[in-house]
């Protein structure tokens, strides 16, 4: 089981940023992002996207979270679903620091990285160069066996427009849903939005997906296009 990219993410972020490195504490990094969000108070979908594209401190929260045992455990569950269902071709959507992407690549999967945050994209390129590997970085969705989006859906103002878009490209979807987690120790995390899993389930059914029952504790959730199921 390869979780090396998760374990080493903070060390590599420190190397990448040098004297610009700020924070190696998950709670504090969340508080910083929460304050920036409250200062900017995004309201529209465009403002949401602009925040996530440009927020430079967001990389600290994601990297700190990637390094936790809980997040490494989640990756192991993702990998179990992927291997059980014989998936080889993957797009890691909202891939962040690329820890999942790198781990999947090093395990031999055909995985592509898709992320809008500028700092995290540059950091991912650094991590690839450090390993002497090439992982495709794409700017938009394309047809694939599986779209993975972990720790992503709670950042959408309107998840259904994204899910509808996913339905045109992904034969299957593998994702998590945090239901907000407005933890005061983390500054309240106002950039997390609660979305009903029931509504998400019903919507995915309406665009051709069927939920697959997993033999693991959720999350993650796994949906396959109905025409793919034999």
C-alpha atoms as a PDB file:
ATOM      1  CA  UNK A   1       0.000   0.000   0.000  1.00  0.00           C
ATOM      2  CA  UNK A   2       1.655   3.218  -1.164  1.00  0.00           C
ATOM      3  CA  UNK A   3       0.855   6.273   0.978  1.00  0.00           C
ATOM      4  CA  UNK A   4       4.343   7.772   0.691  1.00  0.00           C
ATOM      5  CA  UNK A   5       3.090  10.907  -1.128  1.00  0.00           C
ATOM      6  CA  UNK A   6       0.670  11.539   1.769  1.00  0.00           C
ATOM      7  CA  UNK A   7       3.292  10.983   4.482  1.00  0.00           C
ATOM      8  CA  UNK A   8       5.857  13.260   2.797  1.00  0.00           C
ATOM      9  CA  UNK A   9       3.572  16.049   1.615  1.00  0.00           C
ATOM     10  CA  UNK A  10       4.462  18.527   4.396  1.00  0.00           C
ATOM     11  CA  UNK A  11       8.193  17.925   4.018  1.00  0.00           C
ATOM     12  CA  UNK A  12       7.930  18.499   0.273  1.00  0.00           C
ATOM     13  CA  UNK A  13       5.763  21.605   0.714  1.00  0.00           C
ATOM     14  CA  UNK A  14       8.390  23.069   3.019  1.00  0.00           C
ATOM     15  CA  UNK A  15      11.062  22.360   0.379  1.00  0.00           C
ATOM     16  CA  UNK A  16       8.896  23.854  -2.374  1.00  0.00           C
ATOM     17  CA  UNK A  17       8.041  27.081  -0.561  1.00  0.00           C
ATOM     18  CA  UNK A  18      11.320  27.672   1.296  1.00  0.00           C
ATOM     19  CA  UNK A  19      11.077  30.792   3.457  1.00  0.00           C
ATOM     20  CA  UNK A  20       7.463  31.289   2.322  1.00  0.00           C
ATOM     21  CA  UNK A  21       6.399  28.190   4.274  1.00  0.00           C
ATOM     22  CA  UNK A  22       3.902  29.254   6.956  1.00  0.00           C
ATOM     23  CA  UNK A  23       2.068  26.522   8.752  1.00  0.00           C
ATOM     24  CA  UNK A  24       2.278  22.831   9.600  1.00  0.00           C
ATOM     25  CA  UNK A  25      -0.757  22.713  11.890  1.00  0.00           C
ATOM     26  CA  UNK A  26      -4.105  21.567  10.475  1.00  0.00           C
ATOM     27  CA  UNK A  27      -6.282  23.622  12.823  1.00  0.00           C
ATOM     28  CA  UNK A  28      -4.291  26.830  12.304  1.00  0.00           C
ATOM     29  CA  UNK A  29      -4.216  26.438   8.523  1.00  0.00           C
ATOM     30  CA  UNK A  30      -7.998  25.990   8.511  1.00  0.00           C
ATOM     31  CA  UNK A  31      -8.409  29.138  10.623  1.00  0.00           C
ATOM     32  CA  UNK A  32      -6.339  31.141   8.134  1.00  0.00           C
ATOM     33  CA  UNK A  33      -8.435  30.003   5.180  1.00  0.00           C
ATOM     34  CA  UNK A  34     -11.639  30.595   7.175  1.00  0.00           C
ATOM     35  CA  UNK A  35     -10.588  34.188   7.914  1.00  0.00           C
ATOM     36  CA  UNK A  36      -9.773  34.860   4.258  1.00  0.00           C
ATOM     37  CA  UNK A  37     -13.127  33.421   3.216  1.00  0.00           C
ATOM     38  CA  UNK A  38     -14.973  35.605   5.739  1.00  0.00           C
ATOM     39  CA  UNK A  39     -13.058  38.682   4.591  1.00  0.00           C
ATOM     40  CA  UNK A  40     -13.910  38.042   0.925  1.00  0.00           C
ATOM     41  CA  UNK A  41     -17.427  36.624   1.575  1.00  0.00           C
ATOM     42  CA  UNK A  42     -17.873  34.865  -1.803  1.00  0.00           C
ATOM     43  CA  UNK A  43     -21.520  34.624  -2.858  1.00  0.00           C
ATOM     44  CA  UNK A  44     -21.756  33.724  -6.535  1.00  0.00           C
ATOM     45  CA  UNK A  45     -20.387  30.625  -8.269  1.00  0.00           C
ATOM     46  CA  UNK A  46     -17.866  32.855 -10.021  1.00  0.00           C
ATOM     47  CA  UNK A  47     -16.660  34.242  -6.684  1.00  0.00           C
ATOM     48  CA  UNK A  48     -16.369  30.711  -5.276  1.00  0.00           C
ATOM     49  CA  UNK A  49     -14.209  29.679  -8.224  1.00  0.00           C
ATOM     50  CA  UNK A  50     -12.062  32.784  -7.964  1.00  0.00           C
ATOM     51  CA  UNK A  51     -11.416  32.074  -4.283  1.00  0.00           C
ATOM     52  CA  UNK A  52     -10.293  28.516  -4.915  1.00  0.00           C
ATOM     53  CA  UNK A  53      -8.193  29.482  -7.928  1.00  0.00           C
ATOM     54  CA  UNK A  54      -6.291  32.251  -6.169  1.00  0.00           C
ATOM     55  CA  UNK A  55      -6.167  31.404  -2.444  1.00  0.00           C
ATOM     56  CA  UNK A  56      -2.458  30.828  -1.771  1.00  0.00           C
ATOM     57  CA  UNK A  57      -2.813  29.663   1.844  1.00  0.00           C
ATOM     58  CA  UNK A  58      -5.263  26.909   0.931  1.00  0.00           C
ATOM     59  CA  UNK A  59      -2.349  24.601   0.111  1.00  0.00           C
ATOM     60  CA  UNK A  60      -1.398  24.466   3.806  1.00  0.00           C
ATOM     61  CA  UNK A  61      -4.796  23.169   4.858  1.00  0.00           C
ATOM     62  CA  UNK A  62      -4.918  20.534   2.119  1.00  0.00           C
ATOM     63  CA  UNK A  63      -1.343  19.391   2.712  1.00  0.00           C
ATOM     64  CA  UNK A  64      -1.850  19.159   6.473  1.00  0.00           C
ATOM     65  CA  UNK A  65      -5.048  17.143   5.948  1.00  0.00           C
ATOM     66  CA  UNK A  66      -3.348  14.844   3.394  1.00  0.00           C
ATOM     67  CA  UNK A  67      -0.696  13.963   5.964  1.00  0.00           C
ATOM     68  CA  UNK A  68      -3.134  12.757   8.642  1.00  0.00           C
ATOM     69  CA  UNK A  69      -3.673   9.040   9.372  1.00  0.00           C
ATOM     70  CA  UNK A  70      -7.396   9.568   8.737  1.00  0.00           C
ATOM     71  CA  UNK A  71      -6.746  10.813   5.204  1.00  0.00           C
ATOM     72  CA  UNK A  72      -4.270   8.026   4.492  1.00  0.00           C
ATOM     73  CA  UNK A  73      -6.906   5.552   5.659  1.00  0.00           C
ATOM     74  CA  UNK A  74      -9.380   7.105   3.214  1.00  0.00           C
ATOM     75  CA  UNK A  75      -6.930   6.618   0.356  1.00  0.00           C
ATOM     76  CA  UNK A  76      -6.669   2.925   1.223  1.00  0.00           C
ATOM     77  CA  UNK A  77     -10.459   2.658   0.943  1.00  0.00           C
ATOM     78  CA  UNK A  78     -10.426   4.482  -2.399  1.00  0.00           C
ATOM     79  CA  UNK A  79      -7.771   2.105  -3.673  1.00  0.00           C
ATOM     80  CA  UNK A  80      -9.784  -0.903  -2.539  1.00  0.00           C
ATOM     81  CA  UNK A  81     -12.799   0.275  -4.566  1.00  0.00           C
ATOM     82  CA  UNK A  82     -10.621   0.988  -7.605  1.00  0.00           C
ATOM     83  CA  UNK A  83      -8.909  -2.397  -7.589  1.00  0.00           C
ATOM     84  CA  UNK A  84     -12.072  -4.367  -6.778  1.00  0.00           C
ATOM     85  CA  UNK A  85     -13.791  -2.825  -9.807  1.00  0.00           C
ATOM     86  CA  UNK A  86     -10.805  -3.262 -12.145  1.00  0.00           C
ATOM     87  CA  UNK A  87     -10.523   0.463 -12.861  1.00  0.00           C
ATOM     88  CA  UNK A  88      -7.363   1.560 -14.662  1.00  0.00           C
ATOM     89  CA  UNK A  89      -8.154   4.996 -16.099  1.00  0.00           C
ATOM     90  CA  UNK A  90      -8.800   7.799 -13.605  1.00  0.00           C
ATOM     91  CA  UNK A  91      -9.177  11.576 -13.450  1.00  0.00           C
ATOM     92  CA  UNK A  92      -8.414  13.020 -10.015  1.00  0.00           C
ATOM     93  CA  UNK A  93     -10.720  16.070 -10.020  1.00  0.00           C
ATOM     94  CA  UNK A  94      -9.924  18.808  -7.510  1.00  0.00           C
ATOM     95  CA  UNK A  95      -6.720  16.885  -6.900  1.00  0.00           C
ATOM     96  CA  UNK A  96      -5.116  19.487  -4.618  1.00  0.00           C
ATOM     97  CA  UNK A  97      -1.550  18.635  -3.636  1.00  0.00           C
ATOM     98  CA  UNK A  98      -1.779  15.501  -5.792  1.00  0.00           C
ATOM     99  CA  UNK A  99      -1.039  12.976  -3.055  1.00  0.00           C
ATOM    100  CA  UNK A 100      -3.725  10.584  -4.314  1.00  0.00           C
ATOM    101  CA  UNK A 101      -2.683  11.209  -7.919  1.00  0.00           C
ATOM    102  CA  UNK A 102       0.955  10.412  -7.222  1.00  0.00           C
ATOM    103  CA  UNK A 103       0.152   7.316  -5.183  1.00  0.00           C
ATOM    104  CA  UNK A 104      -2.132   5.975  -7.923  1.00  0.00           C
ATOM    105  CA  UNK A 105       0.440   6.735 -10.625  1.00  0.00           C
ATOM    106  CA  UNK A 106       3.185   4.961  -8.693  1.00  0.00           C
ATOM    107  CA  UNK A 107       0.892   1.947  -8.330  1.00  0.00           C
ATOM    108  CA  UNK A 108       0.576   1.740 -12.119  1.00  0.00           C
ATOM    109  CA  UNK A 109      -2.789   3.401 -12.766  1.00  0.00           C
ATOM    110  CA  UNK A 110      -3.399   5.704 -15.734  1.00  0.00           C
ATOM    111  CA  UNK A 111      -4.296   8.793 -13.709  1.00  0.00           C
ATOM    112  CA  UNK A 112      -4.609  12.453 -14.703  1.00  0.00           C
ATOM    113  CA  UNK A 113      -4.485  15.487 -12.418  1.00  0.00           C
ATOM    114  CA  UNK A 114      -7.097  18.272 -12.587  1.00  0.00           C
ATOM    115  CA  UNK A 115      -6.997  21.233 -10.184  1.00  0.00           C
ATOM    116  CA  UNK A 116      -7.824  24.955 -10.433  1.00  0.00           C
ATOM    117  CA  UNK A 117      -5.735  26.317  -7.543  1.00  0.00           C
ATOM    118  CA  UNK A 118      -2.597  27.868  -9.006  1.00  0.00           C
ATOM    119  CA  UNK A 119      -0.324  27.265  -6.021  1.00  0.00           C
ATOM    120  CA  UNK A 120      -1.287  23.624  -5.709  1.00  0.00           C
ATOM    121  CA  UNK A 121      -0.767  23.017  -9.436  1.00  0.00           C
ATOM    122  CA  UNK A 122       2.752  24.414  -9.191  1.00  0.00           C
ATOM    123  CA  UNK A 123       3.400  22.312  -6.099  1.00  0.00           C
ATOM    124  CA  UNK A 124       2.175  19.187  -7.903  1.00  0.00           C
ATOM    125  CA  UNK A 125       4.558  19.887 -10.796  1.00  0.00           C
ATOM    126  CA  UNK A 126       7.375  20.194  -8.262  1.00  0.00           C
ATOM    127  CA  UNK A 127       6.431  16.854  -6.689  1.00  0.00           C
ATOM    128  CA  UNK A 128       6.448  15.149 -10.099  1.00  0.00           C
ATOM    129  CA  UNK A 129       9.834  16.651 -10.995  1.00  0.00           C
ATOM    130  CA  UNK A 130      11.240  15.574  -7.637  1.00  0.00           C
ATOM    131  CA  UNK A 131      10.242  11.974  -8.435  1.00  0.00           C
ATOM    132  CA  UNK A 132      11.369  12.177 -12.052  1.00  0.00           C
ATOM    133  CA  UNK A 133       7.935  11.234 -13.338  1.00  0.00           C
ATOM    134  CA  UNK A 134       5.399  12.698 -15.750  1.00  0.00           C
ATOM    135  CA  UNK A 135       1.716  12.732 -14.813  1.00  0.00           C
ATOM    136  CA  UNK A 136      -0.731  14.393 -17.236  1.00  0.00           C
ATOM    137  CA  UNK A 137      -2.104  17.700 -15.946  1.00  0.00           C
ATOM    138  CA  UNK A 138      -5.378  18.517 -17.663  1.00  0.00           C
ATOM    139  CA  UNK A 139      -7.456  21.695 -17.593  1.00  0.00           C
ATOM    140  CA  UNK A 140     -10.868  20.200 -18.285  1.00  0.00           C
ATOM    141  CA  UNK A 141     -12.688  16.894 -18.070  1.00  0.00           C
ATOM    142  CA  UNK A 142     -12.362  14.237 -20.737  1.00  0.00           C
ATOM    143  CA  UNK A 143     -13.820  10.734 -21.094  1.00  0.00           C
ATOM    144  CA  UNK A 144     -12.506   8.304 -18.460  1.00  0.00           C
ATOM    145  CA  UNK A 145     -13.361   5.146 -16.566  1.00  0.00           C
ATOM    146  CA  UNK A 146     -13.607   6.916 -13.227  1.00  0.00           C
ATOM    147  CA  UNK A 147     -13.685  10.469 -11.899  1.00  0.00           C
ATOM    148  CA  UNK A 148     -12.449  10.691  -8.311  1.00  0.00           C
ATOM    149  CA  UNK A 149     -13.338  13.773  -6.287  1.00  0.00           C
ATOM    150  CA  UNK A 150     -12.406  13.536  -2.624  1.00  0.00           C
ATOM    151  CA  UNK A 151     -12.876  16.433  -0.182  1.00  0.00           C
ATOM    152  CA  UNK A 152     -14.326  18.429  -3.073  1.00  0.00           C
ATOM    153  CA  UNK A 153     -18.115  18.423  -3.171  1.00  0.00           C
ATOM    154  CA  UNK A 154     -18.482  20.472   0.021  1.00  0.00           C
ATOM    155  CA  UNK A 155     -16.686  23.315  -1.770  1.00  0.00           C
ATOM    156  CA  UNK A 156     -19.313  23.580  -4.514  1.00  0.00           C
ATOM    157  CA  UNK A 157     -22.010  26.185  -4.201  1.00  0.00           C
ATOM    158  CA  UNK A 158     -24.151  24.161  -6.596  1.00  0.00           C
ATOM    159  CA  UNK A 159     -22.867  20.566  -6.834  1.00  0.00           C
ATOM    160  CA  UNK A 160     -25.513  19.493  -9.331  1.00  0.00           C
ATOM    161  CA  UNK A 161     -24.087  21.477 -12.230  1.00  0.00           C
ATOM    162  CA  UNK A 162     -20.747  19.723 -11.676  1.00  0.00           C
ATOM    163  CA  UNK A 163     -22.335  16.296 -11.275  1.00  0.00           C
ATOM    164  CA  UNK A 164     -24.262  16.809 -14.503  1.00  0.00           C
ATOM    165  CA  UNK A 165     -20.982  17.647 -16.244  1.00  0.00           C
ATOM    166  CA  UNK A 166     -19.325  14.560 -14.744  1.00  0.00           C
ATOM    167  CA  UNK A 167     -22.090  12.394 -16.219  1.00  0.00           C
ATOM    168  CA  UNK A 168     -20.854  13.228 -19.736  1.00  0.00           C
ATOM    169  CA  UNK A 169     -17.319  12.031 -19.032  1.00  0.00           C
ATOM    170  CA  UNK A 170     -17.130   9.482 -16.227  1.00  0.00           C
ATOM    171  CA  UNK A 171     -18.294   5.877 -16.517  1.00  0.00           C
ATOM    172  CA  UNK A 172     -18.072   5.850 -12.732  1.00  0.00           C
ATOM    173  CA  UNK A 173     -17.744   8.336  -9.862  1.00  0.00           C
ATOM    174  CA  UNK A 174     -15.857   7.802  -6.599  1.00  0.00           C
ATOM    175  CA  UNK A 175     -16.204  10.556  -4.032  1.00  0.00           C
ATOM    176  CA  UNK A 176     -16.592  11.704  -0.448  1.00  0.00           C
ATOM    177  CA  UNK A 177     -19.087  14.020   1.186  1.00  0.00           C
ATOM    178  CA  UNK A 178     -18.068  15.731   4.423  1.00  0.00           C
ATOM    179  CA  UNK A 179     -21.454  17.321   5.231  1.00  0.00           C
ATOM    180  CA  UNK A 180     -19.736  20.562   6.222  1.00  0.00           C
ATOM    181  CA  UNK A 181     -17.891  19.819   9.451  1.00  0.00           C
ATOM    182  CA  UNK A 182     -18.140  23.338  10.851  1.00  0.00           C
ATOM    183  CA  UNK A 183     -15.437  22.719  13.451  1.00  0.00           C
ATOM    184  CA  UNK A 184     -14.835  25.802  15.604  1.00  0.00           C
ATOM    185  CA  UNK A 185     -11.292  24.597  16.303  1.00  0.00           C
ATOM    186  CA  UNK A 186     -10.724  25.066  12.598  1.00  0.00           C
ATOM    187  CA  UNK A 187     -12.236  28.533  12.404  1.00  0.00           C
ATOM    188  CA  UNK A 188     -15.739  27.284  11.611  1.00  0.00           C
ATOM    189  CA  UNK A 189     -14.737  26.296   8.051  1.00  0.00           C
ATOM    190  CA  UNK A 190     -17.328  28.605   6.396  1.00  0.00           C
ATOM    191  CA  UNK A 191     -16.082  27.530   2.961  1.00  0.00           C
ATOM    192  CA  UNK A 192     -17.662  24.087   3.537  1.00  0.00           C
ATOM    193  CA  UNK A 193     -21.288  23.844   2.425  1.00  0.00           C
ATOM    194  CA  UNK A 194     -23.704  21.141   3.518  1.00  0.00           C
ATOM    195  CA  UNK A 195     -25.327  19.256   0.650  1.00  0.00           C
ATOM    196  CA  UNK A 196     -27.911  16.539   1.165  1.00  0.00           C
ATOM    197  CA  UNK A 197     -26.572  13.100   0.241  1.00  0.00           C
ATOM    198  CA  UNK A 198     -30.150  12.086  -0.526  1.00  0.00           C
ATOM    199  CA  UNK A 199     -30.416  14.903  -3.082  1.00  0.00           C
ATOM    200  CA  UNK A 200     -27.042  13.964  -4.554  1.00  0.00           C
ATOM    201  CA  UNK A 201     -28.094  10.314  -4.791  1.00  0.00           C
ATOM    202  CA  UNK A 202     -31.376  11.200  -6.506  1.00  0.00           C
ATOM    203  CA  UNK A 203     -29.660  13.542  -8.932  1.00  0.00           C
ATOM    204  CA  UNK A 204     -27.034  10.988  -9.899  1.00  0.00           C
ATOM    205  CA  UNK A 205     -29.833   8.518 -10.576  1.00  0.00           C
ATOM    206  CA  UNK A 206     -31.486  11.060 -12.856  1.00  0.00           C
ATOM    207  CA  UNK A 207     -28.322  11.397 -14.979  1.00  0.00           C
ATOM    208  CA  UNK A 208     -27.810   7.670 -15.396  1.00  0.00           C
ATOM    209  CA  UNK A 209     -25.795   6.471 -12.395  1.00  0.00           C
ATOM    210  CA  UNK A 210     -26.516   3.637  -9.983  1.00  0.00           C
ATOM    211  CA  UNK A 211     -25.041   3.472  -6.481  1.00  0.00           C
ATOM    212  CA  UNK A 212     -22.801   0.473  -5.826  1.00  0.00           C
ATOM    213  CA  UNK A 213     -22.978  -1.053  -2.369  1.00  0.00           C
ATOM    214  CA  UNK A 214     -19.496  -1.261  -0.872  1.00  0.00           C
ATOM    215  CA  UNK A 215     -18.164  -3.701   1.698  1.00  0.00           C
ATOM    216  CA  UNK A 216     -16.422  -0.874   3.555  1.00  0.00           C
ATOM    217  CA  UNK A 217     -17.577   1.864   5.896  1.00  0.00           C
ATOM    218  CA  UNK A 218     -18.550   4.959   3.902  1.00  0.00           C
ATOM    219  CA  UNK A 219     -17.202   7.324   2.732  1.00  0.00           C
ATOM    220  CA  UNK A 220     -16.342   6.914  -0.090  1.00  0.00           C
ATOM    221  CA  UNK A 221     -19.402   6.582  -2.314  1.00  0.00           C
ATOM    222  CA  UNK A 222     -19.230   4.790  -5.647  1.00  0.00           C
ATOM    223  CA  UNK A 223     -21.612   5.177  -8.594  1.00  0.00           C
ATOM    224  CA  UNK A 224     -21.462   3.479 -12.001  1.00  0.00           C
ATOM    225  CA  UNK A 225     -23.294   4.390 -15.192  1.00  0.00           C
ATOM    226  CA  UNK A 226     -26.270   2.044 -15.511  1.00  0.00           C
ATOM    227  CA  UNK A 227     -25.355   0.970 -19.053  1.00  0.00           C
ATOM    228  CA  UNK A 228     -21.889  -0.109 -17.808  1.00  0.00           C
ATOM    229  CA  UNK A 229     -23.299  -2.467 -15.161  1.00  0.00           C
ATOM    230  CA  UNK A 230     -23.533  -5.975 -16.549  1.00  0.00           C
END
